[in-house]
């Protein structure tokens, strides 16, 4: 079975595999050769697989779509993917990056809220000044 995982910048995984395991909102599931056509959304998930020699591989994905086509093609298109052979090491890297992103997103939301509040204050000040103050 062919597994291909892509993010917006690159093909992260493109290999023949014997089995795949992933997780969506309904829980964990497995995919073997001959699986029925399938489509699901992935939020944050660790996709794992066994290659033809039995070696394990892992990819942490964030916000993706997984499709199974023809029972032998599995494609995952995701916003972000991190590949690793060691699950503990992958977890450390991913948690660190997600924390950094979370801090940046919180900072962005705080800045947007400050701008919104400043605009509301200015509108309030203009309204208190009367119609001439706001150009009516």
C-alpha atoms as a PDB file:
ATOM      1  CA  UNK A   1       0.000   0.000   0.000  1.00  0.00           C
ATOM      2  CA  UNK A   2       1.321   3.480  -0.814  1.00  0.00           C
ATOM      3  CA  UNK A   3       1.390   6.183   1.895  1.00  0.00           C
ATOM      4  CA  UNK A   4       1.908   9.810   0.919  1.00  0.00           C
ATOM      5  CA  UNK A   5       1.844  12.627   3.479  1.00  0.00           C
ATOM      6  CA  UNK A   6       2.164  16.208   2.244  1.00  0.00           C
ATOM      7  CA  UNK A   7       2.166  19.598   3.902  1.00  0.00           C
ATOM      8  CA  UNK A   8       2.003  22.928   2.039  1.00  0.00           C
ATOM      9  CA  UNK A   9       5.753  22.954   1.428  1.00  0.00           C
ATOM     10  CA  UNK A  10       6.820  19.371   0.767  1.00  0.00           C
ATOM     11  CA  UNK A  11       6.077  15.683   0.425  1.00  0.00           C
ATOM     12  CA  UNK A  12       6.966  14.483   3.914  1.00  0.00           C
ATOM     13  CA  UNK A  13       6.385  10.740   3.390  1.00  0.00           C
ATOM     14  CA  UNK A  14       6.099   8.740   0.178  1.00  0.00           C
ATOM     15  CA  UNK A  15       6.626   5.012   0.725  1.00  0.00           C
ATOM     16  CA  UNK A  16       5.238   1.524   0.512  1.00  0.00           C
ATOM     17  CA  UNK A  17       3.805   0.373   3.850  1.00  0.00           C
ATOM     18  CA  UNK A  18       2.115  -2.734   5.202  1.00  0.00           C
ATOM     19  CA  UNK A  19      -0.193  -1.076   7.762  1.00  0.00           C
ATOM     20  CA  UNK A  20      -1.218   2.385   8.941  1.00  0.00           C
ATOM     21  CA  UNK A  21      -2.769   3.645  12.163  1.00  0.00           C
ATOM     22  CA  UNK A  22      -4.266   7.117  12.630  1.00  0.00           C
ATOM     23  CA  UNK A  23      -6.782   8.922  14.798  1.00  0.00           C
ATOM     24  CA  UNK A  24      -9.701  11.205  13.952  1.00  0.00           C
ATOM     25  CA  UNK A  25     -12.496  12.675  16.090  1.00  0.00           C
ATOM     26  CA  UNK A  26     -14.178   9.251  16.382  1.00  0.00           C
ATOM     27  CA  UNK A  27     -11.061   7.492  17.665  1.00  0.00           C
ATOM     28  CA  UNK A  28      -8.152   5.421  16.465  1.00  0.00           C
ATOM     29  CA  UNK A  29      -8.379   3.269  13.347  1.00  0.00           C
ATOM     30  CA  UNK A  30      -6.184   1.032  11.216  1.00  0.00           C
ATOM     31  CA  UNK A  31      -5.763   0.705   7.476  1.00  0.00           C
ATOM     32  CA  UNK A  32      -4.559  -2.433   5.699  1.00  0.00           C
ATOM     33  CA  UNK A  33      -4.152  -3.177   2.010  1.00  0.00           C
ATOM     34  CA  UNK A  34      -7.598  -3.546   0.417  1.00  0.00           C
ATOM     35  CA  UNK A  35      -9.308  -1.092   2.788  1.00  0.00           C
ATOM     36  CA  UNK A  36     -12.541   0.428   1.448  1.00  0.00           C
ATOM     37  CA  UNK A  37     -12.391   3.948   0.046  1.00  0.00           C
ATOM     38  CA  UNK A  38     -12.471   6.323   2.960  1.00  0.00           C
ATOM     39  CA  UNK A  39     -12.234  10.029   3.810  1.00  0.00           C
ATOM     40  CA  UNK A  40     -11.792  11.623   7.231  1.00  0.00           C
ATOM     41  CA  UNK A  41     -10.557  14.836   8.821  1.00  0.00           C
ATOM     42  CA  UNK A  42      -7.589  14.739  11.190  1.00  0.00           C
ATOM     43  CA  UNK A  43      -7.165  17.364  13.891  1.00  0.00           C
ATOM     44  CA  UNK A  44      -3.920  16.704  15.747  1.00  0.00           C
ATOM     45  CA  UNK A  45      -2.920  13.088  15.258  1.00  0.00           C
ATOM     46  CA  UNK A  46       0.087  10.820  15.193  1.00  0.00           C
ATOM     47  CA  UNK A  47      -0.010   8.645  12.113  1.00  0.00           C
ATOM     48  CA  UNK A  48       2.050   5.487  12.494  1.00  0.00           C
ATOM     49  CA  UNK A  49       2.933   2.800   9.984  1.00  0.00           C
ATOM     50  CA  UNK A  50       4.882  -0.389   9.522  1.00  0.00           C
ATOM     51  CA  UNK A  51       6.928  -0.588   6.363  1.00  0.00           C
ATOM     52  CA  UNK A  52       7.322  -3.766   4.365  1.00  0.00           C
ATOM     53  CA  UNK A  53      10.269  -4.833   6.590  1.00  0.00           C
ATOM     54  CA  UNK A  54       8.261  -4.319   9.782  1.00  0.00           C
ATOM     55  CA  UNK A  55      10.009  -1.076  10.823  1.00  0.00           C
ATOM     56  CA  UNK A  56       7.839   1.592  12.435  1.00  0.00           C
ATOM     57  CA  UNK A  57       7.535   5.184  11.289  1.00  0.00           C
ATOM     58  CA  UNK A  58       5.628   8.120  12.733  1.00  0.00           C
ATOM     59  CA  UNK A  59       4.314  11.467  11.577  1.00  0.00           C
ATOM     60  CA  UNK A  60       2.588  14.049  13.754  1.00  0.00           C
ATOM     61  CA  UNK A  61       0.021  15.946  11.686  1.00  0.00           C
ATOM     62  CA  UNK A  62      -2.092  18.996  12.431  1.00  0.00           C
ATOM     63  CA  UNK A  63      -5.353  19.688  10.609  1.00  0.00           C
ATOM     64  CA  UNK A  64      -5.395  17.309   7.692  1.00  0.00           C
ATOM     65  CA  UNK A  65      -7.505  15.176   5.410  1.00  0.00           C
ATOM     66  CA  UNK A  66      -6.840  11.438   5.076  1.00  0.00           C
ATOM     67  CA  UNK A  67      -8.133   9.545   2.047  1.00  0.00           C
ATOM     68  CA  UNK A  68      -7.957   5.883   1.080  1.00  0.00           C
ATOM     69  CA  UNK A  69      -8.394   5.217  -2.647  1.00  0.00           C
ATOM     70  CA  UNK A  70      -8.675   1.904  -4.420  1.00  0.00           C
ATOM     71  CA  UNK A  71      -7.653   0.005  -1.302  1.00  0.00           C
ATOM     72  CA  UNK A  72      -3.979   0.702  -1.912  1.00  0.00           C
ATOM     73  CA  UNK A  73      -3.415   4.485  -1.921  1.00  0.00           C
ATOM     74  CA  UNK A  74      -3.461   6.453   1.341  1.00  0.00           C
ATOM     75  CA  UNK A  75      -2.946  10.201   1.101  1.00  0.00           C
ATOM     76  CA  UNK A  76      -2.797  12.731   3.896  1.00  0.00           C
ATOM     77  CA  UNK A  77      -2.789  16.443   3.100  1.00  0.00           C
ATOM     78  CA  UNK A  78      -2.063  18.468   6.231  1.00  0.00           C
ATOM     79  CA  UNK A  79      -1.211  21.976   7.355  1.00  0.00           C
ATOM     80  CA  UNK A  80       1.797  20.716   9.260  1.00  0.00           C
ATOM     81  CA  UNK A  81       3.697  17.430   9.484  1.00  0.00           C
ATOM     82  CA  UNK A  82       6.673  16.268  11.543  1.00  0.00           C
ATOM     83  CA  UNK A  83       8.231  12.887  10.676  1.00  0.00           C
ATOM     84  CA  UNK A  84      10.296  10.714  13.011  1.00  0.00           C
ATOM     85  CA  UNK A  85      11.443   7.165  13.685  1.00  0.00           C
ATOM     86  CA  UNK A  86      11.396   7.542  17.475  1.00  0.00           C
ATOM     87  CA  UNK A  87       8.010   8.358  18.991  1.00  0.00           C
ATOM     88  CA  UNK A  88       9.410   9.893  22.208  1.00  0.00           C
ATOM     89  CA  UNK A  89      11.746  12.183  20.268  1.00  0.00           C
ATOM     90  CA  UNK A  90       8.955  13.176  17.892  1.00  0.00           C
ATOM     91  CA  UNK A  91       6.701  14.002  20.833  1.00  0.00           C
ATOM     92  CA  UNK A  92       9.355  16.298  22.343  1.00  0.00           C
ATOM     93  CA  UNK A  93       9.872  18.171  19.063  1.00  0.00           C
ATOM     94  CA  UNK A  94       6.164  18.512  18.323  1.00  0.00           C
ATOM     95  CA  UNK A  95       5.185  19.671  21.818  1.00  0.00           C
ATOM     96  CA  UNK A  96       7.936  22.290  21.721  1.00  0.00           C
ATOM     97  CA  UNK A  97       6.785  23.626  18.328  1.00  0.00           C
ATOM     98  CA  UNK A  98       3.111  23.619  19.345  1.00  0.00           C
ATOM     99  CA  UNK A  99       3.960  25.550  22.534  1.00  0.00           C
ATOM    100  CA  UNK A 100       5.892  28.145  20.505  1.00  0.00           C
ATOM    101  CA  UNK A 101       3.010  28.467  18.063  1.00  0.00           C
ATOM    102  CA  UNK A 102       0.506  28.703  20.916  1.00  0.00           C
ATOM    103  CA  UNK A 103       2.500  31.549  22.466  1.00  0.00           C
ATOM    104  CA  UNK A 104       2.643  33.373  19.115  1.00  0.00           C
ATOM    105  CA  UNK A 105      -1.102  32.854  18.530  1.00  0.00           C
ATOM    106  CA  UNK A 106      -1.933  34.140  22.026  1.00  0.00           C
ATOM    107  CA  UNK A 107       0.229  37.201  21.410  1.00  0.00           C
ATOM    108  CA  UNK A 108      -1.548  37.845  18.098  1.00  0.00           C
ATOM    109  CA  UNK A 109      -4.981  37.519  19.699  1.00  0.00           C
ATOM    110  CA  UNK A 110      -3.933  39.918  22.477  1.00  0.00           C
ATOM    111  CA  UNK A 111      -2.755  42.502  19.936  1.00  0.00           C
ATOM    112  CA  UNK A 112      -5.987  42.180  17.950  1.00  0.00           C
ATOM    113  CA  UNK A 113      -8.063  42.609  21.120  1.00  0.00           C
ATOM    114  CA  UNK A 114      -6.088  45.735  22.081  1.00  0.00           C
ATOM    115  CA  UNK A 115      -6.678  47.248  18.633  1.00  0.00           C
ATOM    116  CA  UNK A 116     -10.388  46.441  18.831  1.00  0.00           C
ATOM    117  CA  UNK A 117     -10.679  48.001  22.300  1.00  0.00           C
ATOM    118  CA  UNK A 118      -8.791  51.115  21.154  1.00  0.00           C
ATOM    119  CA  UNK A 119     -11.192  51.495  18.203  1.00  0.00           C
ATOM    120  CA  UNK A 120     -14.222  51.098  20.497  1.00  0.00           C
ATOM    121  CA  UNK A 121     -12.845  53.747  22.891  1.00  0.00           C
ATOM    122  CA  UNK A 122     -12.248  56.149  20.003  1.00  0.00           C
ATOM    123  CA  UNK A 123     -15.774  55.605  18.693  1.00  0.00           C
ATOM    124  CA  UNK A 124     -17.147  56.214  22.199  1.00  0.00           C
ATOM    125  CA  UNK A 125     -15.132  59.420  22.537  1.00  0.00           C
ATOM    126  CA  UNK A 126     -16.350  60.612  19.139  1.00  0.00           C
ATOM    127  CA  UNK A 127     -19.966  59.813  19.984  1.00  0.00           C
ATOM    128  CA  UNK A 128     -19.730  61.741  23.252  1.00  0.00           C
ATOM    129  CA  UNK A 129     -18.509  64.756  21.308  1.00  0.00           C
ATOM    130  CA  UNK A 130     -21.700  64.843  19.222  1.00  0.00           C
ATOM    131  CA  UNK A 131     -22.423  64.618  15.479  1.00  0.00           C
ATOM    132  CA  UNK A 132     -20.035  67.459  14.524  1.00  0.00           C
ATOM    133  CA  UNK A 133     -17.180  65.575  16.165  1.00  0.00           C
ATOM    134  CA  UNK A 134     -17.670  62.495  13.993  1.00  0.00           C
ATOM    135  CA  UNK A 135     -18.276  64.389  10.798  1.00  0.00           C
ATOM    136  CA  UNK A 136     -22.098  64.169  10.553  1.00  0.00           C
END
